[in-house]
Amino acid sequence: MFAVIQTGGKQYRVAQGDVLRVEKLAGDVGAAVTFDKVLLVGGDNVKVGTPLVSGAKVNAEIIAQGRDKKIIVFKFRRRKNYRRKNGHRQPYTELKITGVNA
């Protein structure tokens, strides 16, 4: 059984046992997280929400909190002596899906 959940402005297809990285969520390592914004539940009998499936939940456990690799943001205007260099590391939360409840 799988589900499509929405978190952090993005949608993810998840099944029990999956490990995924999402936008940073509040909580410590080992804490349980429940997603109520379930858009679709698949398996033997498919349920599609309009836009959400009522009563469906996805349970997960926080494995890690971290920051992604650094990206360089460089702004440049030729012949104007304009240069701006910035770095950015996006925070993330790594989750393990423990259950999909339709």
Protein backbone atom coordinates (compact mmCIF):
# COMPACT_ATOMS: atom_id res chain seq x y z
CA MET A 1 0.00 0.00 0.00
CA PHE A 2 1.27 3.47 -0.87
CA ALA A 3 0.11 7.04 -0.42
CA VAL A 4 0.80 10.50 -1.79
CA ILE A 5 1.37 13.06 0.97
CA GLN A 6 1.90 16.80 0.91
CA THR A 7 4.44 18.57 3.11
CA GLY A 8 6.62 21.62 2.66
CA GLY A 9 4.77 22.64 -0.51
CA LYS A 10 5.76 19.39 -2.26
CA GLN A 11 4.13 16.02 -2.82
CA TYR A 12 5.77 12.65 -2.13
CA ARG A 13 4.78 9.07 -2.99
CA VAL A 14 5.52 6.96 0.08
CA ALA A 15 5.11 3.37 1.21
CA GLN A 16 5.80 1.68 4.53
CA GLY A 17 9.55 1.40 5.16
CA ASP A 18 10.54 4.24 2.80
CA VAL A 19 13.19 6.76 3.87
CA LEU A 20 12.89 10.27 2.43
CA ARG A 21 14.13 13.83 2.93
CA VAL A 22 11.57 16.61 3.30
CA GLU A 23 11.65 20.29 4.18
CA LYS A 24 12.59 20.84 7.82
CA LEU A 25 9.96 19.75 10.35
CA ALA A 26 9.93 20.55 14.05
CA GLY A 27 10.88 17.64 16.30
CA ASP A 28 13.77 15.70 17.72
CA VAL A 29 15.36 12.54 16.36
CA GLY A 30 13.15 9.56 17.24
CA ALA A 31 9.94 11.62 17.45
CA ALA A 32 6.80 10.48 15.64
CA VAL A 33 5.20 12.60 12.91
CA THR A 34 1.71 12.19 11.44
CA PHE A 35 0.69 13.52 8.03
CA ASP A 36 -3.01 14.32 7.60
CA LYS A 37 -2.69 15.85 4.12
CA VAL A 38 -3.03 12.59 2.18
CA LEU A 39 -3.96 13.11 -1.48
CA LEU A 40 -4.17 9.50 -2.68
CA VAL A 41 -4.06 6.02 -1.16
CA GLY A 42 -3.19 3.19 -3.54
CA GLY A 43 -3.10 -0.57 -3.30
CA ASP A 44 -5.90 -3.10 -3.89
CA ASN A 45 -8.55 -0.40 -3.66
CA VAL A 46 -7.49 3.09 -4.74
CA LYS A 47 -8.88 6.17 -2.96
CA VAL A 48 -8.40 9.56 -4.60
CA GLY A 49 -9.14 12.67 -2.55
CA THR A 50 -10.85 15.87 -3.61
CA PRO A 51 -8.30 17.23 -2.70
CA LEU A 52 -7.66 15.15 0.46
CA VAL A 53 -8.68 11.61 1.44
CA SER A 54 -10.76 11.93 4.60
CA GLY A 55 -9.58 9.88 7.56
CA ALA A 56 -6.31 8.78 5.93
CA LYS A 57 -3.05 9.24 7.83
CA VAL A 58 0.60 8.46 7.25
CA ASN A 59 2.85 7.88 10.28
CA ALA A 60 6.59 8.49 10.20
CA GLU A 61 9.58 8.67 12.51
CA ILE A 62 12.30 11.33 12.37
CA ILE A 63 15.66 9.69 11.66
CA ALA A 64 17.84 12.80 11.28
CA GLN A 65 17.83 16.59 11.15
CA GLY A 66 20.49 18.10 8.95
CA ARG A 67 21.60 20.57 6.33
CA ASP A 68 22.18 19.86 2.64
CA LYS A 69 25.34 20.50 0.65
CA LYS A 70 26.26 24.14 0.15
CA ILE A 71 25.25 25.85 -3.07
CA ILE A 72 26.91 29.04 -4.28
CA VAL A 73 24.73 31.97 -5.37
CA PHE A 74 26.81 34.35 -7.50
CA LYS A 75 25.37 37.56 -8.97
CA PHE A 76 27.38 39.37 -11.64
CA ARG A 77 26.90 42.34 -13.96
CA ARG A 78 29.50 42.61 -16.65
CA ARG A 79 31.53 45.82 -16.96
CA LYS A 80 29.84 47.34 -13.86
CA ASN A 81 32.20 46.05 -11.14
CA TYR A 82 29.20 44.33 -9.50
CA ARG A 83 29.78 40.94 -7.85
CA ARG A 84 27.89 39.34 -4.97
CA LYS A 85 28.72 35.88 -3.66
CA ASN A 86 26.48 34.04 -1.21
CA GLY A 87 26.30 30.49 0.06
CA HIS A 88 23.19 28.59 1.15
CA ARG A 89 22.58 25.28 2.96
CA GLN A 90 18.98 24.10 3.00
CA PRO A 91 17.83 22.40 6.23
CA TYR A 92 16.05 19.05 5.89
CA THR A 93 14.42 16.32 7.96
CA GLU A 94 14.98 12.67 7.12
CA LEU A 95 11.93 10.46 7.76
CA LYS A 96 11.19 6.74 7.84
CA ILE A 97 7.58 5.87 7.03
CA THR A 98 6.19 3.53 9.69
CA GLY A 99 2.60 3.13 8.51
CA VAL A 100 -0.05 4.07 5.95
CA ASN A 101 -3.60 4.08 7.36
CA ALA A 102 -6.53 4.42 4.98
